[in-house]
Amino acid sequence: MSKIVLASQSPRRKQLLSQLGLPFQVVPSLVNEEADIVAPVALVEELAERKAREVSTRFPNDLVIGADTIVAFGSEILGKPESFNHAVELLNKLSGNWHEVYTGVALRIQQNEEHQVQSRVFHQVTRVKFSELSPAEIDHYVRSGSPMDKAGAYGIQDDWGAVFVERIEGDYYNVVGFPLHRFYQELKTFAPHYLELKKMELDV
């Protein structure tokens, strides 16, 4: 029986996908995530598809899920901070302002025997408004180390990252890193038989 493979090492995506109760395996992608793309939608969809494609070559006939999340502040894409000072700089930009969080998701089933590929790529966007942050609040959060592995230097699910967010417009889970509702809706039409894995696991 084919299985579900999550092509991501993000603990947040693993946790979110687990909420659906579907059995899956985590296999991080080995692709280079650098890309000369400035449009947020094109960037997250390209990187998500790239991750799914690479892992699917190692897991033929399985459903591989690739995902990528970025933060966009105006026309600027804010990636993961490269240093303590960079994290402070990013949070100062977001302070008191709106920004957008984009997540691209790629679903891919590569059938080696028939050289056939089923694929679907989509994205979700959520607008986020930060309250005004004091230098002390930013310093405390960055010193915790939590922002260093997150796009835009914050996690909405963090103790401090959560209190920075004044409001959101859109899917909360998209900001965490995986749009659960949209993924479920897409899976129902793309590969609905995988939803039976939950029932099969319960019956064992």
N, C-alpha and C. Protein backbone atom coordinates (compact mmCIF):
# COMPACT_ATOMS: atom_id res chain seq x y z
N MET A 1 0.85 -1.21 0.00
CA MET A 1 0.00 0.00 0.00
C MET A 1 0.88 1.25 0.00
N SER A 2 0.60 2.18 -0.89
CA SER A 2 1.38 3.41 -0.94
C SER A 2 1.14 4.23 0.32
N LYS A 3 2.08 5.12 0.61
CA LYS A 3 2.01 5.88 1.85
C LYS A 3 2.16 7.38 1.57
N ILE A 4 2.06 8.16 2.63
CA ILE A 4 2.22 9.61 2.56
C ILE A 4 3.60 9.97 3.07
N VAL A 5 4.30 10.82 2.33
CA VAL A 5 5.64 11.26 2.72
C VAL A 5 5.66 12.78 2.79
N LEU A 6 6.05 13.32 3.93
CA LEU A 6 6.18 14.76 4.09
C LEU A 6 7.62 15.15 3.83
N ALA A 7 7.85 15.91 2.75
CA ALA A 7 9.20 16.29 2.34
C ALA A 7 9.63 17.56 3.06
N SER A 8 9.66 17.51 4.37
CA SER A 8 9.99 18.69 5.16
C SER A 8 10.54 18.27 6.51
N GLN A 9 11.53 19.01 6.99
CA GLN A 9 12.07 18.75 8.32
C GLN A 9 11.47 19.69 9.37
N SER A 10 10.49 20.49 8.99
CA SER A 10 9.87 21.44 9.91
C SER A 10 9.05 20.70 10.96
N PRO A 11 9.38 20.88 12.23
CA PRO A 11 8.57 20.23 13.28
C PRO A 11 7.16 20.78 13.32
N ARG A 12 6.97 22.01 12.87
CA ARG A 12 5.63 22.61 12.89
C ARG A 12 4.74 21.96 11.83
N ARG A 13 5.29 21.71 10.64
CA ARG A 13 4.49 21.04 9.61
C ARG A 13 4.18 19.60 10.02
N LYS A 14 5.13 18.95 10.63
CA LYS A 14 4.90 17.59 11.11
C LYS A 14 3.76 17.57 12.12
N GLN A 15 3.76 18.51 13.03
CA GLN A 15 2.72 18.56 14.05
C GLN A 15 1.35 18.85 13.43
N LEU A 16 1.31 19.80 12.49
CA LEU A 16 0.04 20.16 11.87
C LEU A 16 -0.53 19.00 11.06
N LEU A 17 0.31 18.34 10.27
CA LEU A 17 -0.18 17.23 9.47
C LEU A 17 -0.66 16.09 10.37
N SER A 18 -0.03 15.94 11.52
CA SER A 18 -0.43 14.90 12.47
C SER A 18 -1.84 15.12 12.98
N GLN A 19 -2.29 16.38 12.98
CA GLN A 19 -3.62 16.68 13.48
C GLN A 19 -4.72 16.02 12.65
N LEU A 20 -4.43 15.70 11.39
CA LEU A 20 -5.42 15.07 10.54
C LEU A 20 -5.56 13.58 10.82
N GLY A 21 -4.63 13.04 11.61
CA GLY A 21 -4.72 11.63 11.96
C GLY A 21 -4.28 10.68 10.86
N LEU A 22 -3.62 11.19 9.84
CA LEU A 22 -3.15 10.35 8.74
C LEU A 22 -1.73 9.87 9.03
N PRO A 23 -1.45 8.60 8.82
CA PRO A 23 -0.08 8.11 9.00
C PRO A 23 0.82 8.64 7.89
N PHE A 24 2.00 9.09 8.25
CA PHE A 24 2.93 9.60 7.24
C PHE A 24 4.37 9.46 7.72
N GLN A 25 5.28 9.56 6.78
CA GLN A 25 6.71 9.47 7.04
C GLN A 25 7.35 10.81 6.72
N VAL A 26 8.31 11.23 7.52
CA VAL A 26 9.02 12.48 7.28
C VAL A 26 10.35 12.19 6.58
N VAL A 27 10.53 12.79 5.41
CA VAL A 27 11.77 12.63 4.65
C VAL A 27 12.17 14.01 4.12
N PRO A 28 13.06 14.72 4.80
CA PRO A 28 13.45 16.06 4.35
C PRO A 28 14.03 16.05 2.95
N SER A 29 13.69 17.09 2.20
CA SER A 29 14.22 17.24 0.85
C SER A 29 15.67 17.68 0.89
N LEU A 30 16.42 17.29 -0.14
CA LEU A 30 17.84 17.64 -0.23
C LEU A 30 18.10 18.75 -1.25
N VAL A 31 17.05 19.40 -1.73
CA VAL A 31 17.23 20.39 -2.80
C VAL A 31 17.80 21.70 -2.27
N ASN A 32 18.42 22.43 -3.17
CA ASN A 32 18.88 23.79 -2.89
C ASN A 32 17.67 24.72 -2.92
N GLU A 33 17.46 25.49 -1.86
CA GLU A 33 16.27 26.34 -1.78
C GLU A 33 16.51 27.75 -2.31
N GLU A 34 17.65 27.98 -2.92
CA GLU A 34 17.91 29.29 -3.51
C GLU A 34 17.19 29.40 -4.85
N ALA A 35 16.59 30.56 -5.08
CA ALA A 35 15.87 30.76 -6.34
C ALA A 35 15.84 32.24 -6.68
N ASP A 36 16.03 32.55 -7.94
CA ASP A 36 15.99 33.94 -8.40
C ASP A 36 14.58 34.33 -8.80
N ILE A 37 13.68 34.24 -7.86
CA ILE A 37 12.28 34.57 -8.09
C ILE A 37 11.85 35.60 -7.06
N VAL A 38 11.26 36.69 -7.51
CA VAL A 38 10.90 37.77 -6.59
C VAL A 38 9.41 37.78 -6.25
N ALA A 39 8.59 37.16 -7.08
CA ALA A 39 7.15 37.13 -6.81
C ALA A 39 6.86 36.07 -5.76
N PRO A 40 6.25 36.44 -4.63
CA PRO A 40 6.04 35.49 -3.53
C PRO A 40 5.30 34.22 -3.93
N VAL A 41 4.21 34.35 -4.69
CA VAL A 41 3.45 33.16 -5.07
C VAL A 41 4.30 32.22 -5.90
N ALA A 42 4.98 32.75 -6.91
CA ALA A 42 5.81 31.92 -7.77
C ALA A 42 6.94 31.27 -6.98
N LEU A 43 7.49 31.99 -6.01
CA LEU A 43 8.61 31.47 -5.22
C LEU A 43 8.18 30.30 -4.35
N VAL A 44 7.11 30.45 -3.57
CA VAL A 44 6.72 29.36 -2.67
C VAL A 44 6.22 28.14 -3.44
N GLU A 45 5.55 28.37 -4.57
CA GLU A 45 5.08 27.24 -5.35
C GLU A 45 6.25 26.50 -6.01
N GLU A 46 7.23 27.26 -6.50
CA GLU A 46 8.40 26.64 -7.12
C GLU A 46 9.18 25.81 -6.09
N LEU A 47 9.42 26.37 -4.92
CA LEU A 47 10.21 25.65 -3.91
C LEU A 47 9.46 24.44 -3.37
N ALA A 48 8.16 24.57 -3.18
CA ALA A 48 7.36 23.43 -2.72
C ALA A 48 7.40 22.31 -3.76
N GLU A 49 7.25 22.66 -5.03
CA GLU A 49 7.26 21.66 -6.10
C GLU A 49 8.64 21.02 -6.22
N ARG A 50 9.68 21.83 -6.05
CA ARG A 50 11.04 21.33 -6.15
C ARG A 50 11.31 20.28 -5.05
N LYS A 51 10.86 20.57 -3.84
CA LYS A 51 11.04 19.64 -2.73
C LYS A 51 10.28 18.34 -2.97
N ALA A 52 9.02 18.45 -3.39
CA ALA A 52 8.22 17.25 -3.63
C ALA A 52 8.81 16.41 -4.76
N ARG A 53 9.29 17.07 -5.80
CA ARG A 53 9.85 16.34 -6.94
C ARG A 53 11.08 15.54 -6.53
N GLU A 54 11.96 16.16 -5.75
CA GLU A 54 13.20 15.48 -5.35
C GLU A 54 12.90 14.25 -4.50
N VAL A 55 12.02 14.39 -3.53
CA VAL A 55 11.72 13.27 -2.64
C VAL A 55 10.93 12.19 -3.37
N SER A 56 10.07 12.57 -4.30
CA SER A 56 9.25 11.57 -5.00
C SER A 56 10.10 10.64 -5.87
N THR A 57 11.30 11.08 -6.28
CA THR A 57 12.17 10.19 -7.04
C THR A 57 12.67 9.05 -6.16
N ARG A 58 12.70 9.28 -4.86
CA ARG A 58 13.14 8.24 -3.91
C ARG A 58 11.98 7.41 -3.38
N PHE A 59 10.76 7.92 -3.55
CA PHE A 59 9.58 7.23 -3.04
C PHE A 59 8.50 7.15 -4.13
N PRO A 60 8.79 6.38 -5.19
CA PRO A 60 7.81 6.24 -6.27
C PRO A 60 6.52 5.61 -5.77
N ASN A 61 5.43 6.06 -6.37
CA ASN A 61 4.08 5.56 -6.08
C ASN A 61 3.50 6.05 -4.76
N ASP A 62 4.28 6.81 -3.99
CA ASP A 62 3.78 7.37 -2.74
C ASP A 62 3.34 8.82 -2.96
N LEU A 63 2.45 9.29 -2.08
CA LEU A 63 2.04 10.70 -2.11
C LEU A 63 3.07 11.52 -1.35
N VAL A 64 3.77 12.39 -2.06
CA VAL A 64 4.79 13.24 -1.45
C VAL A 64 4.26 14.66 -1.33
N ILE A 65 4.44 15.25 -0.17
CA ILE A 65 3.97 16.61 0.11
C ILE A 65 5.17 17.52 0.32
N GLY A 66 5.30 18.53 -0.52
CA GLY A 66 6.34 19.54 -0.35
C GLY A 66 5.70 20.85 0.06
N ALA A 67 6.39 21.64 0.86
CA ALA A 67 5.83 22.92 1.30
C ALA A 67 6.94 23.93 1.55
N ASP A 68 6.59 25.20 1.37
CA ASP A 68 7.54 26.27 1.64
C ASP A 68 6.77 27.51 2.09
N THR A 69 7.30 28.21 3.10
CA THR A 69 6.64 29.39 3.64
C THR A 69 7.58 30.58 3.65
N ILE A 70 7.07 31.73 3.24
CA ILE A 70 7.85 32.96 3.30
C ILE A 70 7.00 34.09 3.89
N VAL A 71 7.68 35.11 4.36
CA VAL A 71 7.02 36.33 4.84
C VAL A 71 7.36 37.45 3.87
N ALA A 72 6.36 38.20 3.45
CA ALA A 72 6.58 39.31 2.53
C ALA A 72 6.15 40.61 3.19
N PHE A 73 7.06 41.57 3.19
CA PHE A 73 6.79 42.90 3.73
C PHE A 73 6.85 43.88 2.57
N GLY A 74 5.68 44.24 2.05
CA GLY A 74 5.66 45.03 0.83
C GLY A 74 6.22 44.19 -0.31
N SER A 75 7.20 44.71 -1.01
CA SER A 75 7.81 43.98 -2.11
C SER A 75 9.04 43.19 -1.66
N GLU A 76 9.33 43.22 -0.36
CA GLU A 76 10.53 42.56 0.17
C GLU A 76 10.17 41.21 0.78
N ILE A 77 10.93 40.19 0.41
CA ILE A 77 10.74 38.86 0.99
C ILE A 77 11.67 38.71 2.18
N LEU A 78 11.09 38.37 3.32
CA LEU A 78 11.87 38.23 4.55
C LEU A 78 12.07 36.74 4.84
N GLY A 79 13.31 36.29 4.71
CA GLY A 79 13.60 34.90 4.98
C GLY A 79 13.95 34.67 6.43
N LYS A 80 14.64 33.57 6.69
CA LYS A 80 15.09 33.29 8.05
C LYS A 80 16.26 34.20 8.40
N PRO A 81 16.32 34.69 9.64
CA PRO A 81 17.41 35.60 10.02
C PRO A 81 18.76 34.91 9.97
N GLU A 82 19.76 35.65 9.55
CA GLU A 82 21.10 35.11 9.44
C GLU A 82 21.94 35.35 10.68
N SER A 83 21.46 36.21 11.57
CA SER A 83 22.21 36.54 12.79
C SER A 83 21.26 37.17 13.80
N PHE A 84 21.76 37.40 15.00
CA PHE A 84 20.99 38.07 16.04
C PHE A 84 20.54 39.45 15.56
N ASN A 85 21.46 40.22 15.02
CA ASN A 85 21.14 41.57 14.58
C ASN A 85 20.16 41.57 13.42
N HIS A 86 20.28 40.58 12.54
CA HIS A 86 19.36 40.49 11.41
C HIS A 86 17.94 40.20 11.90
N ALA A 87 17.81 39.34 12.92
CA ALA A 87 16.50 39.04 13.48
C ALA A 87 15.88 40.30 14.08
N VAL A 88 16.68 41.09 14.78
CA VAL A 88 16.21 42.35 15.36
C VAL A 88 15.73 43.28 14.25
N GLU A 89 16.50 43.35 13.17
CA GLU A 89 16.15 44.21 12.03
C GLU A 89 14.81 43.79 11.42
N LEU A 90 14.61 42.50 11.24
CA LEU A 90 13.37 42.01 10.64
C LEU A 90 12.16 42.33 11.53
N LEU A 91 12.30 42.12 12.82
CA LEU A 91 11.19 42.38 13.74
C LEU A 91 10.88 43.87 13.82
N ASN A 92 11.89 44.70 13.72
CA ASN A 92 11.65 46.15 13.69
C ASN A 92 10.86 46.56 12.46
N LYS A 93 11.10 45.89 11.34
CA LYS A 93 10.33 46.18 10.12
C LYS A 93 8.87 45.81 10.29
N LEU A 94 8.61 44.67 10.93
CA LEU A 94 7.25 44.18 11.08
C LEU A 94 6.48 44.93 12.16
N SER A 95 7.19 45.51 13.10
CA SER A 95 6.56 46.20 14.23
C SER A 95 5.56 47.27 13.77
N GLY A 96 4.31 47.12 14.22
CA GLY A 96 3.27 48.11 13.92
C GLY A 96 2.74 48.06 12.51
N ASN A 97 3.13 47.07 11.73
CA ASN A 97 2.77 47.02 10.31
C ASN A 97 2.07 45.71 9.92
N TRP A 98 1.44 45.76 8.74
CA TRP A 98 0.88 44.57 8.13
C TRP A 98 1.96 43.88 7.29
N HIS A 99 1.88 42.55 7.21
CA HIS A 99 2.70 41.80 6.26
C HIS A 99 1.91 40.59 5.80
N GLU A 100 2.43 39.88 4.82
CA GLU A 100 1.75 38.71 4.28
C GLU A 100 2.61 37.47 4.48
N VAL A 101 1.96 36.36 4.78
CA VAL A 101 2.63 35.07 4.88
C VAL A 101 2.10 34.17 3.76
N TYR A 102 3.00 33.67 2.94
CA TYR A 102 2.66 32.80 1.82
C TYR A 102 3.19 31.40 2.08
N THR A 103 2.35 30.41 1.86
CA THR A 103 2.80 29.02 1.90
C THR A 103 2.41 28.34 0.60
N GLY A 104 3.40 27.73 -0.03
CA GLY A 104 3.14 26.93 -1.22
C GLY A 104 3.15 25.46 -0.84
N VAL A 105 2.26 24.69 -1.44
CA VAL A 105 2.18 23.26 -1.17
C VAL A 105 2.14 22.51 -2.50
N ALA A 106 2.92 21.45 -2.58
CA ALA A 106 2.93 20.61 -3.79
C ALA A 106 2.58 19.18 -3.41
N LEU A 107 1.64 18.59 -4.13
CA LEU A 107 1.27 17.19 -3.96
C LEU A 107 1.75 16.45 -5.21
N ARG A 108 2.46 15.34 -5.01
CA ARG A 108 3.06 14.66 -6.17
C ARG A 108 3.07 13.15 -5.96
N ILE A 109 2.64 12.43 -6.98
CA ILE A 109 2.72 10.97 -7.01
C ILE A 109 3.43 10.60 -8.30
N GLN A 110 4.62 10.06 -8.18
CA GLN A 110 5.43 9.71 -9.35
C GLN A 110 5.44 8.20 -9.50
N GLN A 111 4.89 7.72 -10.59
CA GLN A 111 4.80 6.29 -10.84
C GLN A 111 5.89 5.87 -11.81
N ASN A 112 6.95 5.31 -11.27
CA ASN A 112 8.11 4.96 -12.09
C ASN A 112 7.79 3.94 -13.17
N GLU A 113 6.95 2.96 -12.83
CA GLU A 113 6.69 1.89 -13.78
C GLU A 113 6.09 2.42 -15.08
N GLU A 114 5.18 3.37 -14.96
CA GLU A 114 4.50 3.88 -16.15
C GLU A 114 5.01 5.25 -16.57
N HIS A 115 6.01 5.74 -15.84
CA HIS A 115 6.57 7.06 -16.13
C HIS A 115 5.48 8.13 -16.12
N GLN A 116 4.55 7.98 -15.20
CA GLN A 116 3.47 8.94 -15.08
C GLN A 116 3.61 9.72 -13.78
N VAL A 117 3.20 10.97 -13.83
CA VAL A 117 3.27 11.82 -12.65
C VAL A 117 1.95 12.54 -12.45
N GLN A 118 1.42 12.45 -11.26
CA GLN A 118 0.28 13.27 -10.87
C GLN A 118 0.82 14.37 -9.97
N SER A 119 0.44 15.59 -10.24
CA SER A 119 0.92 16.67 -9.38
C SER A 119 -0.11 17.79 -9.29
N ARG A 120 -0.05 18.46 -8.17
CA ARG A 120 -0.89 19.63 -7.97
C ARG A 120 -0.12 20.59 -7.06
N VAL A 121 -0.09 21.86 -7.45
CA VAL A 121 0.61 22.88 -6.66
C VAL A 121 -0.35 24.02 -6.38
N PHE A 122 -0.38 24.49 -5.14
CA PHE A 122 -1.25 25.60 -4.78
C PHE A 122 -0.59 26.42 -3.67
N HIS A 123 -1.20 27.54 -3.36
CA HIS A 123 -0.65 28.39 -2.30
C HIS A 123 -1.78 28.98 -1.48
N GLN A 124 -1.41 29.47 -0.32
CA GLN A 124 -2.34 30.17 0.55
C GLN A 124 -1.63 31.42 1.07
N VAL A 125 -2.39 32.50 1.26
CA VAL A 125 -1.80 33.73 1.78
C VAL A 125 -2.64 34.22 2.95
N THR A 126 -1.95 34.69 3.99
CA THR A 126 -2.60 35.25 5.18
C THR A 126 -1.97 36.59 5.50
N ARG A 127 -2.80 37.59 5.78
CA ARG A 127 -2.28 38.90 6.19
C ARG A 127 -2.18 38.95 7.72
N VAL A 128 -1.08 39.52 8.19
CA VAL A 128 -0.82 39.57 9.63
C VAL A 128 -0.47 41.00 10.05
N LYS A 129 -1.06 41.46 11.14
CA LYS A 129 -0.78 42.80 11.66
C LYS A 129 -0.06 42.67 13.01
N PHE A 130 1.12 43.28 13.09
CA PHE A 130 1.88 43.32 14.34
C PHE A 130 1.52 44.58 15.13
N SER A 131 1.54 44.47 16.44
CA SER A 131 1.44 45.66 17.28
C SER A 131 2.81 46.33 17.31
N GLU A 132 2.87 47.49 17.90
CA GLU A 132 4.15 48.18 18.06
C GLU A 132 4.99 47.43 19.09
N LEU A 133 6.22 47.08 18.70
CA LEU A 133 7.10 46.33 19.59
C LEU A 133 8.17 47.23 20.17
N SER A 134 8.42 47.09 21.45
CA SER A 134 9.48 47.88 22.09
C SER A 134 10.82 47.19 21.85
N PRO A 135 11.92 47.94 21.93
CA PRO A 135 13.25 47.32 21.79
C PRO A 135 13.47 46.19 22.79
N ALA A 136 12.95 46.36 24.00
CA ALA A 136 13.12 45.33 25.02
C ALA A 136 12.37 44.04 24.66
N GLU A 137 11.18 44.18 24.09
CA GLU A 137 10.40 43.01 23.69
C GLU A 137 11.12 42.24 22.57
N ILE A 138 11.62 42.99 21.60
CA ILE A 138 12.34 42.37 20.49
C ILE A 138 13.60 41.68 21.00
N ASP A 139 14.34 42.35 21.84
CA ASP A 139 15.59 41.79 22.37
C ASP A 139 15.31 40.50 23.15
N HIS A 140 14.29 40.51 23.97
CA HIS A 140 13.94 39.33 24.78
C HIS A 140 13.59 38.15 23.88
N TYR A 141 12.80 38.41 22.86
CA TYR A 141 12.36 37.34 21.96
C TYR A 141 13.53 36.78 21.16
N VAL A 142 14.37 37.64 20.63
CA VAL A 142 15.49 37.16 19.82
C VAL A 142 16.47 36.37 20.68
N ARG A 143 16.69 36.82 21.92
CA ARG A 143 17.61 36.11 22.81
C ARG A 143 17.10 34.72 23.19
N SER A 144 15.81 34.50 23.04
CA SER A 144 15.27 33.17 23.32
C SER A 144 15.72 32.15 22.28
N GLY A 145 16.13 32.65 21.10
CA GLY A 145 16.58 31.78 20.03
C GLY A 145 15.47 31.29 19.12
N SER A 146 14.25 31.47 19.52
CA SER A 146 13.11 30.94 18.77
C SER A 146 12.99 31.50 17.36
N PRO A 147 13.28 32.79 17.13
CA PRO A 147 13.07 33.35 15.78
C PRO A 147 14.07 32.87 14.73
N MET A 148 15.15 32.23 15.15
CA MET A 148 16.27 32.03 14.24
C MET A 148 16.00 31.02 13.12
N ASP A 149 15.02 30.16 13.27
CA ASP A 149 14.74 29.18 12.22
C ASP A 149 13.41 29.44 11.53
N LYS A 150 12.94 30.68 11.63
CA LYS A 150 11.61 30.99 11.10
C LYS A 150 11.66 32.17 10.13
N ALA A 151 10.93 32.05 9.03
CA ALA A 151 10.83 33.15 8.08
C ALA A 151 10.23 34.37 8.76
N GLY A 152 10.83 35.53 8.51
CA GLY A 152 10.34 36.75 9.13
C GLY A 152 10.76 36.91 10.58
N ALA A 153 11.50 35.94 11.10
CA ALA A 153 12.03 35.98 12.47
C ALA A 153 10.96 35.92 13.55
N TYR A 154 9.86 35.22 13.27
CA TYR A 154 8.89 35.02 14.35
C TYR A 154 8.03 33.80 14.05
N GLY A 155 7.47 33.24 15.12
CA GLY A 155 6.52 32.15 14.99
C GLY A 155 5.25 32.53 15.72
N ILE A 156 4.13 32.52 15.03
CA ILE A 156 2.86 32.94 15.64
C ILE A 156 2.47 31.98 16.77
N GLN A 157 3.02 30.78 16.76
CA GLN A 157 2.70 29.80 17.78
C GLN A 157 3.61 29.92 19.01
N ASP A 158 4.65 30.75 18.94
CA ASP A 158 5.55 30.93 20.07
C ASP A 158 4.89 31.71 21.20
N ASP A 159 5.43 31.55 22.41
CA ASP A 159 4.89 32.31 23.55
C ASP A 159 4.92 33.81 23.29
N TRP A 160 6.07 34.31 22.84
CA TRP A 160 6.19 35.74 22.59
C TRP A 160 5.73 36.13 21.20
N GLY A 161 6.00 35.27 20.22
CA GLY A 161 5.56 35.58 18.86
C GLY A 161 4.06 35.74 18.79
N ALA A 162 3.34 34.99 19.62
CA ALA A 162 1.88 35.07 19.62
C ALA A 162 1.37 36.42 20.09
N VAL A 163 2.01 36.98 21.11
CA VAL A 163 1.50 38.25 21.65
C VAL A 163 1.87 39.44 20.77
N PHE A 164 2.77 39.26 19.83
CA PHE A 164 3.12 40.34 18.91
C PHE A 164 2.01 40.55 17.87
N VAL A 165 1.24 39.50 17.59
CA VAL A 165 0.25 39.54 16.51
C VAL A 165 -1.05 40.18 17.00
N GLU A 166 -1.38 41.31 16.41
CA GLU A 166 -2.58 42.04 16.78
C GLU A 166 -3.82 41.45 16.13
N ARG A 167 -3.70 41.05 14.85
CA ARG A 167 -4.81 40.41 14.15
C ARG A 167 -4.30 39.73 12.89
N ILE A 168 -5.13 38.82 12.37
CA ILE A 168 -4.80 38.18 11.11
C ILE A 168 -6.03 38.16 10.21
N GLU A 169 -5.79 38.10 8.92
CA GLU A 169 -6.85 37.94 7.93
C GLU A 169 -6.51 36.72 7.10
N GLY A 170 -7.21 35.61 7.37
CA GLY A 170 -6.92 34.39 6.65
C GLY A 170 -6.67 33.22 7.59
N ASP A 171 -6.01 32.20 7.07
CA ASP A 171 -5.80 30.94 7.77
C ASP A 171 -4.65 31.06 8.77
N TYR A 172 -4.95 30.84 10.05
CA TYR A 172 -3.93 30.87 11.10
C TYR A 172 -2.86 29.83 10.84
N TYR A 173 -3.27 28.60 10.48
CA TYR A 173 -2.31 27.52 10.31
C TYR A 173 -1.37 27.78 9.14
N ASN A 174 -1.80 28.59 8.20
CA ASN A 174 -0.92 28.98 7.11
C ASN A 174 0.27 29.76 7.63
N VAL A 175 0.04 30.58 8.65
CA VAL A 175 1.12 31.37 9.25
C VAL A 175 2.08 30.45 10.00
N VAL A 176 1.55 29.41 10.62
CA VAL A 176 2.39 28.45 11.32
C VAL A 176 3.28 27.70 10.32
N GLY A 177 2.75 27.48 9.10
CA GLY A 177 3.57 26.84 8.08
C GLY A 177 2.91 25.81 7.21
N PHE A 178 1.59 25.53 7.46
CA PHE A 178 0.92 24.53 6.63
C PHE A 178 -0.59 24.79 6.66
N PRO A 179 -1.17 25.18 5.52
CA PRO A 179 -2.61 25.49 5.48
C PRO A 179 -3.47 24.23 5.50
N LEU A 180 -3.81 23.79 6.68
CA LEU A 180 -4.50 22.51 6.86
C LEU A 180 -5.82 22.42 6.08
N HIS A 181 -6.64 23.46 6.18
CA HIS A 181 -7.95 23.41 5.53
C HIS A 181 -7.81 23.26 4.02
N ARG A 182 -6.97 24.10 3.43
CA ARG A 182 -6.78 24.04 1.97
C ARG A 182 -6.17 22.69 1.55
N PHE A 183 -5.21 22.20 2.34
CA PHE A 183 -4.61 20.91 2.03
C PHE A 183 -5.66 19.80 2.02
N TYR A 184 -6.52 19.79 3.02
CA TYR A 184 -7.55 18.76 3.11
C TYR A 184 -8.51 18.83 1.92
N GLN A 185 -8.91 20.05 1.56
CA GLN A 185 -9.81 20.21 0.43
C GLN A 185 -9.16 19.75 -0.87
N GLU A 186 -7.89 20.06 -1.04
CA GLU A 186 -7.18 19.65 -2.27
C GLU A 186 -7.01 18.13 -2.31
N LEU A 187 -6.70 17.53 -1.14
CA LEU A 187 -6.48 16.09 -1.10
C LEU A 187 -7.76 15.33 -1.44
N LYS A 188 -8.91 15.87 -1.07
CA LYS A 188 -10.18 15.20 -1.34
C LYS A 188 -10.43 15.01 -2.84
N THR A 189 -9.89 15.90 -3.65
CA THR A 189 -10.08 15.77 -5.10
C THR A 189 -8.84 15.22 -5.80
N PHE A 190 -7.66 15.46 -5.24
CA PHE A 190 -6.42 15.01 -5.88
C PHE A 190 -6.16 13.52 -5.66
N ALA A 191 -6.29 13.07 -4.43
CA ALA A 191 -6.03 11.67 -4.10
C ALA A 191 -6.87 11.26 -2.89
N PRO A 192 -8.20 11.20 -3.05
CA PRO A 192 -9.09 10.95 -1.90
C PRO A 192 -8.85 9.62 -1.21
N HIS A 193 -8.31 8.64 -1.93
CA HIS A 193 -8.09 7.32 -1.30
C HIS A 193 -7.09 7.38 -0.15
N TYR A 194 -6.24 8.40 -0.14
CA TYR A 194 -5.28 8.53 0.97
C TYR A 194 -5.98 8.87 2.28
N LEU A 195 -7.16 9.44 2.20
CA LEU A 195 -7.91 9.74 3.41
C LEU A 195 -8.39 8.46 4.08
N GLU A 196 -8.42 7.35 3.33
CA GLU A 196 -8.82 6.07 3.89
C GLU A 196 -7.74 5.49 4.80
N LEU A 197 -6.51 6.01 4.70
CA LEU A 197 -5.42 5.50 5.54
C LEU A 197 -5.73 5.69 7.02
N LYS A 198 -6.44 6.76 7.34
CA LYS A 198 -6.80 7.00 8.73
C LYS A 198 -7.73 5.91 9.23
N LYS A 199 -8.73 5.56 8.43
CA LYS A 199 -9.69 4.52 8.81
C LYS A 199 -8.98 3.17 8.93
N MET A 200 -8.07 2.89 7.97
CA MET A 200 -7.36 1.62 7.98
C MET A 200 -6.50 1.49 9.22
N GLU A 201 -5.86 2.61 9.61
CA GLU A 201 -5.00 2.58 10.80
C GLU A 201 -5.83 2.33 12.06
N LEU A 202 -7.03 2.92 12.12
CA LEU A 202 -7.91 2.72 13.28
C LEU A 202 -8.43 1.29 13.35
N ASP A 203 -8.58 0.66 12.17
CA ASP A 203 -9.13 -0.69 12.14
C ASP A 203 -8.10 -1.77 12.50
N VAL A 204 -6.82 -1.40 12.42
CA VAL A 204 -5.77 -2.40 12.70
C VAL A 204 -5.76 -2.77 14.18
